[in-house]
N, C-alpha and C. Protein backbone atom coordinates (compact mmCIF):
# COMPACT_ATOMS: atom_id res chain seq x y z
N UNK A 1 200.97 91.64 129.98
CA UNK A 1 199.64 92.20 129.95
C UNK A 1 199.71 93.55 129.24
N UNK A 2 198.68 93.83 128.43
CA UNK A 2 198.64 95.03 127.61
C UNK A 2 197.74 96.06 128.28
N UNK A 3 198.23 97.27 128.50
CA UNK A 3 197.43 98.34 129.08
C UNK A 3 197.13 99.36 127.99
N UNK A 4 195.88 99.81 127.97
CA UNK A 4 195.44 100.73 126.93
C UNK A 4 195.36 102.15 127.48
N UNK A 5 195.77 103.11 126.68
CA UNK A 5 195.57 104.50 127.03
C UNK A 5 194.28 104.97 126.36
N UNK A 6 193.25 105.27 127.13
CA UNK A 6 191.94 105.60 126.58
C UNK A 6 191.61 107.04 126.94
N UNK A 7 191.19 107.82 125.99
CA UNK A 7 190.76 109.20 126.26
C UNK A 7 189.49 109.49 125.46
N UNK A 8 188.74 110.46 125.93
CA UNK A 8 187.49 110.86 125.26
C UNK A 8 187.82 111.97 124.28
N UNK A 9 187.37 111.81 123.00
CA UNK A 9 187.68 112.83 122.00
C UNK A 9 186.53 112.92 121.01
N UNK A 10 185.78 114.06 120.99
CA UNK A 10 184.64 114.29 120.09
C UNK A 10 183.61 113.17 120.16
N UNK A 11 183.28 112.68 121.31
CA UNK A 11 182.24 111.68 121.46
C UNK A 11 182.70 110.28 121.13
N UNK A 12 183.93 110.05 120.73
CA UNK A 12 184.41 108.72 120.38
C UNK A 12 185.56 108.36 121.31
N UNK A 13 185.78 107.08 121.52
CA UNK A 13 186.89 106.61 122.35
C UNK A 13 188.13 106.51 121.47
N UNK A 14 189.20 107.13 121.93
CA UNK A 14 190.43 107.15 121.14
C UNK A 14 191.45 106.26 121.84
N UNK A 15 191.94 105.22 121.21
CA UNK A 15 192.86 104.26 121.80
C UNK A 15 194.25 104.46 121.20
N UNK A 16 194.99 105.39 121.76
CA UNK A 16 196.30 105.71 121.19
C UNK A 16 197.31 104.60 121.42
N UNK A 17 197.36 104.05 122.61
CA UNK A 17 198.37 103.03 122.91
C UNK A 17 198.11 101.76 122.12
N UNK A 18 196.84 101.35 122.03
CA UNK A 18 196.51 100.12 121.31
C UNK A 18 196.83 100.25 119.83
N UNK A 19 196.54 101.39 119.27
CA UNK A 19 196.82 101.60 117.85
C UNK A 19 198.33 101.53 117.61
N UNK A 20 199.11 102.11 118.50
CA UNK A 20 200.56 102.08 118.34
C UNK A 20 201.10 100.66 118.43
N UNK A 21 200.59 99.89 119.38
CA UNK A 21 201.05 98.50 119.55
C UNK A 21 200.67 97.67 118.34
N UNK A 22 199.42 97.83 117.86
CA UNK A 22 198.95 97.06 116.70
C UNK A 22 199.78 97.42 115.48
N UNK A 23 200.09 98.69 115.32
CA UNK A 23 200.88 99.10 114.15
C UNK A 23 202.28 98.48 114.21
N UNK A 24 202.89 98.47 115.40
CA UNK A 24 204.22 97.86 115.54
C UNK A 24 204.18 96.37 115.21
N UNK A 25 203.14 95.69 115.69
CA UNK A 25 203.06 94.25 115.43
C UNK A 25 202.79 93.97 113.95
N UNK A 26 201.94 94.79 113.34
CA UNK A 26 201.67 94.61 111.91
C UNK A 26 202.93 94.86 111.10
N UNK A 27 203.72 95.86 111.49
CA UNK A 27 204.96 96.13 110.79
C UNK A 27 205.90 94.92 110.89
N UNK A 28 205.94 94.33 112.10
CA UNK A 28 206.76 93.14 112.28
C UNK A 28 206.28 91.98 111.44
N UNK A 29 204.95 91.80 111.34
CA UNK A 29 204.40 90.70 110.53
C UNK A 29 204.71 90.91 109.06
N UNK A 30 204.55 92.14 108.60
CA UNK A 30 204.82 92.40 107.18
C UNK A 30 206.29 92.18 106.85
N UNK A 31 207.17 92.52 107.78
CA UNK A 31 208.59 92.27 107.57
C UNK A 31 208.85 90.77 107.46
N UNK A 32 208.18 89.98 108.29
CA UNK A 32 208.35 88.52 108.26
C UNK A 32 207.84 87.94 106.95
N UNK A 33 206.70 88.41 106.54
CA UNK A 33 206.16 87.87 105.29
C UNK A 33 207.05 88.26 104.11
N UNK A 34 207.59 89.43 104.19
CA UNK A 34 208.46 89.89 103.10
C UNK A 34 209.72 89.03 103.03
N UNK A 35 210.28 88.70 104.18
CA UNK A 35 211.49 87.89 104.22
C UNK A 35 211.21 86.41 104.01
N UNK A 36 209.94 85.99 104.12
CA UNK A 36 209.56 84.57 104.01
C UNK A 36 210.33 83.73 105.03
N UNK A 37 210.56 84.24 106.17
CA UNK A 37 211.33 83.52 107.19
C UNK A 37 210.42 83.20 108.35
N UNK A 38 210.20 81.91 108.63
CA UNK A 38 209.39 81.49 109.76
C UNK A 38 210.08 81.82 111.08
N UNK A 39 211.40 81.82 111.05
CA UNK A 39 212.13 82.14 112.27
C UNK A 39 211.91 83.60 112.66
N UNK A 40 211.94 84.51 111.66
CA UNK A 40 211.69 85.92 111.93
C UNK A 40 210.25 86.13 112.37
N UNK A 41 209.32 85.37 111.78
CA UNK A 41 207.91 85.45 112.17
C UNK A 41 207.73 85.04 113.62
N UNK A 42 208.41 84.00 114.03
CA UNK A 42 208.32 83.54 115.41
C UNK A 42 208.87 84.57 116.37
N UNK A 43 209.94 85.29 115.98
CA UNK A 43 210.50 86.32 116.84
C UNK A 43 209.59 87.54 116.92
N UNK A 44 209.00 87.92 115.79
CA UNK A 44 208.16 89.13 115.78
C UNK A 44 206.89 88.91 116.58
N UNK A 45 206.32 87.73 116.51
CA UNK A 45 205.09 87.45 117.24
C UNK A 45 205.10 86.00 117.64
N UNK A 46 205.04 85.79 118.89
CA UNK A 46 205.04 84.42 119.36
C UNK A 46 203.75 83.75 118.93
N UNK A 47 203.84 82.53 118.50
CA UNK A 47 202.70 81.79 117.99
C UNK A 47 201.62 81.64 119.06
N UNK A 48 202.00 81.56 120.30
CA UNK A 48 201.02 81.39 121.37
C UNK A 48 200.18 82.65 121.57
N UNK A 49 200.66 83.81 121.16
CA UNK A 49 199.93 85.07 121.32
C UNK A 49 199.09 85.43 120.09
N UNK A 50 199.16 84.63 119.05
CA UNK A 50 198.44 84.95 117.81
C UNK A 50 196.93 85.01 118.00
N UNK A 51 196.24 84.05 118.67
CA UNK A 51 194.78 84.17 118.84
C UNK A 51 194.39 85.41 119.62
N UNK A 52 195.17 85.74 120.67
CA UNK A 52 194.86 86.94 121.44
C UNK A 52 195.06 88.19 120.59
N UNK A 53 196.07 88.21 119.74
CA UNK A 53 196.31 89.34 118.85
C UNK A 53 195.15 89.52 117.87
N UNK A 54 194.66 88.43 117.32
CA UNK A 54 193.55 88.51 116.35
C UNK A 54 192.29 89.04 117.03
N UNK A 55 192.02 88.59 118.25
CA UNK A 55 190.84 89.08 118.98
C UNK A 55 190.97 90.58 119.24
N UNK A 56 192.17 91.01 119.67
CA UNK A 56 192.38 92.44 119.93
C UNK A 56 192.25 93.26 118.65
N UNK A 57 192.75 92.71 117.55
CA UNK A 57 192.65 93.41 116.27
C UNK A 57 191.19 93.57 115.84
N UNK A 58 190.40 92.51 116.01
CA UNK A 58 188.96 92.60 115.67
C UNK A 58 188.25 93.60 116.56
N UNK A 59 188.56 93.62 117.87
CA UNK A 59 187.96 94.61 118.75
C UNK A 59 188.33 96.03 118.34
N UNK A 60 189.58 96.23 117.97
CA UNK A 60 190.01 97.55 117.51
C UNK A 60 189.25 97.98 116.26
N UNK A 61 189.09 97.07 115.32
CA UNK A 61 188.34 97.40 114.10
C UNK A 61 186.89 97.74 114.41
N UNK A 62 186.29 97.01 115.35
CA UNK A 62 184.90 97.32 115.74
C UNK A 62 184.80 98.70 116.37
N UNK A 63 185.76 99.02 117.26
CA UNK A 63 185.75 100.34 117.89
C UNK A 63 185.96 101.45 116.88
N UNK A 64 186.87 101.25 115.95
CA UNK A 64 187.11 102.27 114.94
C UNK A 64 185.89 102.45 114.03
N UNK A 65 185.22 101.35 113.71
CA UNK A 65 184.03 101.46 112.86
C UNK A 65 182.91 102.18 113.60
N UNK A 66 182.83 101.99 114.93
CA UNK A 66 181.77 102.65 115.69
C UNK A 66 182.03 104.14 115.84
N UNK A 67 183.26 104.56 115.71
CA UNK A 67 183.61 105.98 115.88
C UNK A 67 183.70 106.73 114.57
N UNK A 68 183.17 106.19 113.51
CA UNK A 68 183.22 106.91 112.23
C UNK A 68 182.47 108.21 112.34
N UNK A 69 183.03 109.24 111.77
CA UNK A 69 182.41 110.56 111.86
C UNK A 69 181.58 110.89 110.63
N UNK A 70 181.62 110.05 109.62
CA UNK A 70 180.87 110.36 108.40
C UNK A 70 179.52 109.65 108.37
N UNK A 71 178.97 109.31 109.53
CA UNK A 71 177.65 108.67 109.59
C UNK A 71 176.61 109.66 109.09
N UNK A 72 175.66 109.17 108.32
CA UNK A 72 174.63 110.02 107.75
C UNK A 72 173.54 110.29 108.78
N UNK A 73 173.27 111.55 108.98
CA UNK A 73 172.22 111.95 109.89
C UNK A 73 170.92 112.12 109.10
N UNK A 74 169.80 111.67 109.67
CA UNK A 74 168.51 111.88 109.03
C UNK A 74 168.10 113.33 109.19
N UNK A 75 167.64 113.92 108.11
CA UNK A 75 167.17 115.30 108.17
C UNK A 75 165.73 115.29 108.65
N UNK A 76 165.38 116.24 109.49
CA UNK A 76 164.00 116.27 109.97
C UNK A 76 163.05 116.59 108.82
N UNK A 77 161.89 115.94 108.85
CA UNK A 77 160.91 116.17 107.79
C UNK A 77 160.26 117.54 108.01
N UNK A 78 159.87 118.20 106.92
CA UNK A 78 159.27 119.53 107.07
C UNK A 78 157.92 119.44 107.79
N UNK A 79 157.62 120.46 108.54
CA UNK A 79 156.37 120.52 109.28
C UNK A 79 155.28 121.08 108.37
N UNK A 80 154.16 120.38 108.34
CA UNK A 80 153.03 120.82 107.53
C UNK A 80 152.10 121.62 108.43
N UNK A 81 151.76 122.81 107.98
CA UNK A 81 150.82 123.63 108.74
C UNK A 81 149.60 123.91 107.88
N UNK A 82 148.46 123.86 108.51
CA UNK A 82 147.21 124.13 107.80
C UNK A 82 146.65 125.43 108.35
N UNK A 83 146.35 126.32 107.44
CA UNK A 83 145.78 127.60 107.82
C UNK A 83 144.38 127.38 108.39
N UNK A 84 144.09 127.86 109.60
CA UNK A 84 142.75 127.65 110.17
C UNK A 84 141.64 128.31 109.36
N UNK A 85 141.98 129.32 108.57
CA UNK A 85 140.96 129.97 107.74
C UNK A 85 140.55 129.10 106.56
N UNK A 86 141.30 128.01 106.35
CA UNK A 86 140.98 127.12 105.22
C UNK A 86 139.56 126.56 105.33
N UNK A 87 139.16 126.23 106.55
CA UNK A 87 137.83 125.65 106.73
C UNK A 87 136.72 126.68 106.50
N UNK A 88 137.04 127.93 106.59
CA UNK A 88 136.04 128.97 106.36
C UNK A 88 135.77 129.17 104.87
N UNK A 89 136.67 128.69 104.03
CA UNK A 89 136.54 128.88 102.59
C UNK A 89 135.77 127.71 101.98
N UNK A 90 134.53 127.60 102.30
CA UNK A 90 133.71 126.50 101.80
C UNK A 90 133.28 126.77 100.36
N UNK A 91 133.34 125.72 99.57
CA UNK A 91 132.83 125.87 98.21
C UNK A 91 131.31 125.76 98.26
N UNK A 92 130.64 126.47 97.39
CA UNK A 92 129.17 126.45 97.44
C UNK A 92 128.63 125.07 97.07
N UNK A 93 127.59 124.67 97.75
CA UNK A 93 126.93 123.40 97.46
C UNK A 93 126.08 123.59 96.21
N UNK A 94 126.23 122.69 95.24
CA UNK A 94 125.42 122.85 94.03
C UNK A 94 123.93 122.69 94.34
N UNK A 95 123.16 123.46 93.63
CA UNK A 95 121.71 123.38 93.85
C UNK A 95 121.16 122.14 93.14
N UNK A 96 120.22 121.50 93.79
CA UNK A 96 119.58 120.32 93.21
C UNK A 96 118.51 120.82 92.24
N UNK A 97 118.51 120.28 91.01
CA UNK A 97 117.49 120.73 90.07
C UNK A 97 116.08 120.39 90.58
N UNK A 98 115.14 121.24 90.20
CA UNK A 98 113.76 121.05 90.63
C UNK A 98 113.18 119.75 90.07
N UNK A 99 113.44 119.50 88.78
CA UNK A 99 112.94 118.28 88.13
C UNK A 99 114.13 117.42 87.69
N UNK A 100 113.95 116.12 87.73
CA UNK A 100 114.95 115.16 87.22
C UNK A 100 114.24 114.13 86.36
N UNK A 101 115.01 113.57 85.40
CA UNK A 101 114.41 112.50 84.60
C UNK A 101 115.44 111.43 84.31
N UNK A 102 114.97 110.25 83.98
CA UNK A 102 115.82 109.13 83.59
C UNK A 102 115.16 108.41 82.43
N UNK A 103 115.97 107.87 81.50
CA UNK A 103 115.42 107.17 80.34
C UNK A 103 116.20 105.88 80.13
N UNK A 104 115.53 104.85 79.57
CA UNK A 104 116.17 103.57 79.29
C UNK A 104 115.42 102.87 78.17
N UNK A 105 116.10 101.91 77.54
CA UNK A 105 115.51 101.13 76.45
C UNK A 105 114.98 99.81 76.99
N UNK A 106 113.92 99.29 76.38
CA UNK A 106 113.38 98.00 76.80
C UNK A 106 114.37 96.87 76.53
N UNK A 107 115.24 97.07 75.54
CA UNK A 107 116.27 96.09 75.21
C UNK A 107 117.49 96.89 74.76
N UNK A 108 118.59 96.80 75.51
CA UNK A 108 119.75 97.61 75.11
C UNK A 108 120.68 96.87 74.15
N UNK A 109 120.30 95.65 73.71
CA UNK A 109 121.05 94.92 72.70
C UNK A 109 120.06 94.28 71.72
N UNK A 110 119.25 95.09 71.01
CA UNK A 110 118.22 94.54 70.12
C UNK A 110 118.80 94.10 68.77
N UNK A 111 118.03 93.38 68.01
CA UNK A 111 118.39 93.08 66.63
C UNK A 111 118.30 94.35 65.80
N UNK A 112 118.98 94.39 64.66
CA UNK A 112 119.05 95.61 63.85
C UNK A 112 117.70 96.00 63.24
N UNK A 113 116.77 95.06 63.08
CA UNK A 113 115.48 95.35 62.45
C UNK A 113 114.30 95.13 63.40
N UNK A 114 114.53 95.15 64.71
CA UNK A 114 113.45 94.94 65.67
C UNK A 114 112.85 96.28 66.09
N UNK A 115 111.79 96.20 66.88
CA UNK A 115 111.16 97.39 67.45
C UNK A 115 111.37 97.36 68.95
N UNK A 116 111.83 98.47 69.51
CA UNK A 116 112.04 98.56 70.96
C UNK A 116 111.18 99.68 71.53
N UNK A 117 111.09 99.71 72.86
CA UNK A 117 110.36 100.77 73.54
C UNK A 117 111.34 101.57 74.38
N UNK A 118 111.23 102.89 74.31
CA UNK A 118 112.05 103.78 75.13
C UNK A 118 111.16 104.30 76.25
N UNK A 119 111.59 104.07 77.49
CA UNK A 119 110.85 104.53 78.66
C UNK A 119 111.58 105.73 79.28
N UNK A 120 110.80 106.62 79.91
CA UNK A 120 111.38 107.75 80.64
C UNK A 120 110.48 108.08 81.82
N UNK A 121 111.09 108.65 82.87
CA UNK A 121 110.32 109.04 84.06
C UNK A 121 110.77 110.42 84.49
N UNK A 122 109.79 111.28 84.81
CA UNK A 122 110.04 112.64 85.31
C UNK A 122 109.68 112.67 86.78
N UNK A 123 110.59 113.21 87.61
CA UNK A 123 110.33 113.29 89.06
C UNK A 123 110.61 114.69 89.59
N UNK A 124 109.97 114.97 90.73
CA UNK A 124 110.24 116.19 91.50
C UNK A 124 110.28 115.73 92.95
N UNK A 125 111.44 115.87 93.60
CA UNK A 125 111.61 115.38 94.97
C UNK A 125 111.20 113.91 95.08
N UNK A 126 111.65 113.08 94.19
CA UNK A 126 111.47 111.63 94.14
C UNK A 126 110.08 111.21 93.65
N UNK A 127 109.09 112.07 93.75
CA UNK A 127 107.73 111.71 93.32
C UNK A 127 107.57 111.95 91.83
N UNK A 128 106.86 111.03 91.14
CA UNK A 128 106.59 111.19 89.71
C UNK A 128 105.65 112.37 89.46
N UNK A 129 105.86 113.07 88.33
CA UNK A 129 105.06 114.24 87.97
C UNK A 129 104.13 113.85 86.82
N UNK A 130 102.81 113.90 87.02
CA UNK A 130 101.87 113.56 85.94
C UNK A 130 101.55 114.77 85.07
N UNK A 131 101.05 114.48 83.85
CA UNK A 131 100.52 115.51 82.96
C UNK A 131 101.54 116.35 82.22
N UNK A 132 102.78 115.93 82.09
CA UNK A 132 103.80 116.71 81.38
C UNK A 132 104.08 116.01 80.04
N UNK A 133 104.00 116.78 78.94
CA UNK A 133 104.24 116.18 77.62
C UNK A 133 105.74 115.98 77.38
N UNK A 134 106.03 114.97 76.56
CA UNK A 134 107.43 114.63 76.28
C UNK A 134 107.61 114.43 74.79
N UNK A 135 108.85 114.63 74.32
CA UNK A 135 109.22 114.37 72.93
C UNK A 135 110.55 113.62 72.94
N UNK A 136 110.87 112.95 71.81
CA UNK A 136 112.12 112.18 71.75
C UNK A 136 112.75 112.30 70.37
N UNK A 137 114.09 112.21 70.34
CA UNK A 137 114.85 112.22 69.09
C UNK A 137 115.83 111.06 69.17
N UNK A 138 115.80 110.18 68.15
CA UNK A 138 116.75 109.06 68.06
C UNK A 138 117.97 109.51 67.28
N UNK A 139 119.15 109.25 67.81
CA UNK A 139 120.41 109.64 67.17
C UNK A 139 121.09 108.38 66.63
N UNK A 140 120.94 108.19 65.32
CA UNK A 140 121.58 107.08 64.64
C UNK A 140 122.89 107.56 64.02
N UNK A 141 123.70 106.62 63.48
CA UNK A 141 125.00 106.98 62.92
C UNK A 141 124.86 107.94 61.73
N UNK A 142 123.83 107.75 60.91
CA UNK A 142 123.70 108.57 59.70
C UNK A 142 122.63 109.65 59.78
N UNK A 143 121.79 109.65 60.83
CA UNK A 143 120.70 110.64 60.89
C UNK A 143 120.16 110.76 62.31
N UNK A 144 119.59 111.93 62.60
CA UNK A 144 118.85 112.17 63.84
C UNK A 144 117.37 112.19 63.47
N UNK A 145 116.60 111.29 64.06
CA UNK A 145 115.19 111.14 63.66
C UNK A 145 114.28 111.48 64.84
N UNK A 146 113.48 112.59 64.74
CA UNK A 146 112.51 112.89 65.79
C UNK A 146 111.36 111.87 65.74
N UNK A 147 110.96 111.40 66.92
CA UNK A 147 109.85 110.45 66.96
C UNK A 147 108.54 111.24 66.93
N UNK A 148 107.55 110.73 66.17
CA UNK A 148 106.31 111.48 65.95
C UNK A 148 105.31 111.32 67.09
N UNK A 149 105.69 110.72 68.16
CA UNK A 149 104.78 110.54 69.31
C UNK A 149 105.00 111.67 70.32
N UNK A 150 103.92 112.11 70.98
CA UNK A 150 103.98 113.16 72.00
C UNK A 150 103.24 112.67 73.26
N UNK A 151 103.77 111.66 73.95
CA UNK A 151 103.04 111.13 75.11
C UNK A 151 103.05 112.12 76.28
N UNK A 152 102.09 111.97 77.17
CA UNK A 152 102.00 112.78 78.38
C UNK A 152 102.27 111.85 79.56
N UNK A 153 103.02 112.33 80.55
CA UNK A 153 103.39 111.48 81.68
C UNK A 153 102.16 111.03 82.46
N UNK A 154 102.18 109.77 82.90
CA UNK A 154 101.05 109.21 83.65
C UNK A 154 101.13 109.64 85.12
N UNK A 155 100.31 109.04 85.97
CA UNK A 155 100.22 109.43 87.38
C UNK A 155 101.56 109.25 88.11
N UNK A 156 102.41 108.33 87.64
CA UNK A 156 103.72 108.10 88.27
C UNK A 156 104.87 108.81 87.54
N UNK A 157 104.58 109.61 86.50
CA UNK A 157 105.59 110.35 85.78
C UNK A 157 106.23 109.60 84.61
N UNK A 158 105.68 108.44 84.22
CA UNK A 158 106.26 107.64 83.14
C UNK A 158 105.70 108.01 81.77
N UNK A 159 106.56 107.93 80.74
CA UNK A 159 106.14 108.00 79.33
C UNK A 159 106.86 106.88 78.59
N UNK A 160 106.33 106.50 77.43
CA UNK A 160 107.02 105.49 76.61
C UNK A 160 106.89 105.85 75.14
N UNK A 161 107.90 105.47 74.35
CA UNK A 161 107.95 105.72 72.91
C UNK A 161 108.24 104.39 72.21
N UNK A 162 107.57 104.12 71.13
CA UNK A 162 107.85 102.94 70.32
C UNK A 162 108.84 103.35 69.24
N UNK A 163 109.91 102.56 69.08
CA UNK A 163 110.96 102.90 68.12
C UNK A 163 111.28 101.69 67.24
N UNK A 164 110.77 101.68 65.98
CA UNK A 164 111.18 100.62 65.03
C UNK A 164 112.56 100.95 64.46
N UNK A 165 113.53 100.05 64.64
CA UNK A 165 114.91 100.35 64.23
C UNK A 165 115.10 100.30 62.72
N UNK A 166 114.47 99.37 62.03
CA UNK A 166 114.48 99.26 60.56
C UNK A 166 115.88 99.35 59.96
N UNK A 167 116.90 98.86 60.66
CA UNK A 167 118.25 98.83 60.12
C UNK A 167 118.93 100.17 60.05
N UNK A 168 118.42 101.19 60.76
CA UNK A 168 119.02 102.52 60.72
C UNK A 168 120.42 102.54 61.33
N UNK A 169 120.64 101.70 62.29
CA UNK A 169 121.93 101.72 62.99
C UNK A 169 122.70 100.44 62.67
N UNK A 170 123.98 100.54 62.27
CA UNK A 170 124.78 99.35 62.01
C UNK A 170 124.95 98.51 63.28
N UNK A 171 125.17 97.23 63.09
CA UNK A 171 125.39 96.32 64.21
C UNK A 171 126.61 96.77 65.02
N UNK A 172 126.52 96.61 66.34
CA UNK A 172 127.60 96.88 67.30
C UNK A 172 128.03 98.35 67.37
N UNK A 173 127.19 99.25 66.86
CA UNK A 173 127.46 100.68 66.97
C UNK A 173 126.38 101.28 67.89
N UNK A 174 126.75 101.86 69.04
CA UNK A 174 125.77 102.38 69.99
C UNK A 174 124.95 103.53 69.39
N UNK A 175 123.70 103.61 69.82
CA UNK A 175 122.81 104.71 69.43
C UNK A 175 122.16 105.26 70.69
N UNK A 176 121.73 106.53 70.65
CA UNK A 176 121.08 107.14 71.80
C UNK A 176 119.73 107.72 71.40
N UNK A 177 118.88 107.89 72.40
CA UNK A 177 117.59 108.55 72.22
C UNK A 177 117.46 109.59 73.32
N UNK A 178 117.30 110.87 72.95
CA UNK A 178 117.10 111.94 73.92
C UNK A 178 115.61 112.15 74.13
N UNK A 179 115.20 112.15 75.39
CA UNK A 179 113.81 112.40 75.76
C UNK A 179 113.77 113.74 76.47
N UNK A 180 112.84 114.61 76.05
CA UNK A 180 112.74 115.95 76.62
C UNK A 180 111.33 116.16 77.16
N UNK A 181 111.25 116.53 78.45
CA UNK A 181 109.96 116.84 79.09
C UNK A 181 109.77 118.35 79.07
N UNK A 182 108.58 118.80 78.66
CA UNK A 182 108.28 120.23 78.55
C UNK A 182 107.78 120.76 79.89
N UNK A 183 108.67 120.89 80.85
CA UNK A 183 108.29 121.42 82.16
C UNK A 183 108.25 122.94 82.11
N UNK A 184 107.58 123.53 83.10
CA UNK A 184 107.53 124.99 83.15
C UNK A 184 108.94 125.51 83.43
N UNK A 185 109.31 126.59 82.82
CA UNK A 185 110.67 127.10 82.92
C UNK A 185 111.50 126.48 81.81
N UNK A 186 112.55 125.75 82.17
CA UNK A 186 113.38 125.12 81.15
C UNK A 186 113.03 123.63 81.05
N UNK A 187 113.10 123.07 79.82
CA UNK A 187 112.78 121.65 79.66
C UNK A 187 113.82 120.76 80.34
N UNK A 188 113.42 119.57 80.72
CA UNK A 188 114.30 118.59 81.36
C UNK A 188 114.58 117.49 80.35
N UNK A 189 115.88 117.15 80.17
CA UNK A 189 116.26 116.17 79.15
C UNK A 189 117.06 115.03 79.78
N UNK A 190 116.83 113.81 79.26
CA UNK A 190 117.61 112.64 79.67
C UNK A 190 117.77 111.75 78.44
N UNK A 191 118.67 110.76 78.52
CA UNK A 191 118.99 109.94 77.35
C UNK A 191 118.97 108.46 77.69
N UNK A 192 118.56 107.67 76.69
CA UNK A 192 118.64 106.20 76.75
C UNK A 192 119.61 105.75 75.66
N UNK A 193 120.17 104.55 75.80
CA UNK A 193 121.08 104.05 74.79
C UNK A 193 120.78 102.60 74.50
N UNK A 194 121.21 102.15 73.32
CA UNK A 194 121.13 100.74 72.94
C UNK A 194 122.17 100.49 71.85
N UNK A 195 122.52 99.21 71.65
CA UNK A 195 123.48 98.82 70.64
C UNK A 195 122.92 97.65 69.85
N UNK A 196 122.53 97.85 68.59
CA UNK A 196 121.98 96.74 67.79
C UNK A 196 123.00 95.61 67.63
N UNK A 197 122.50 94.38 67.63
CA UNK A 197 123.36 93.20 67.50
C UNK A 197 123.19 92.56 66.14
């Protein structure tokens, strides 16, 4: 029967007696293999003890692997701190403009020689503003053409402009129309777009 000398050393179990016995037996095995003599092998280690020796050797290897000192320790993650004064530093809320407008084309993919209508609406707090005059400029690839119409917004804030394209814009090249409402203070501008086909 094999007795082990076990002591505690730096958090790991140290098996001095078992290591010494295993080393002696391994030395005996290596000598046998070197001599190629089965008789010497039988003397160094009895064949009946071979399975028990292999089990003990595997246990020793497991214990030694568990006691490795070079195990990688996880480093603690840095602590994130938020300054409580951060919430006091509010960015200013942008002011909503007094008037807003939107513009669109009756057909945003017209033929190159067709006539389209450009619509626009002027609002103040969602409600349409009547009685405000508007002007428009069409921006083609080769020229900017002011439209000669000066409509006034109706009761719901709508205006419309008739725009004959007459081949001014090449096919598949986008064009825009800027509509400007002459409100008190600064004028309000919006744009419509279309692409001739």
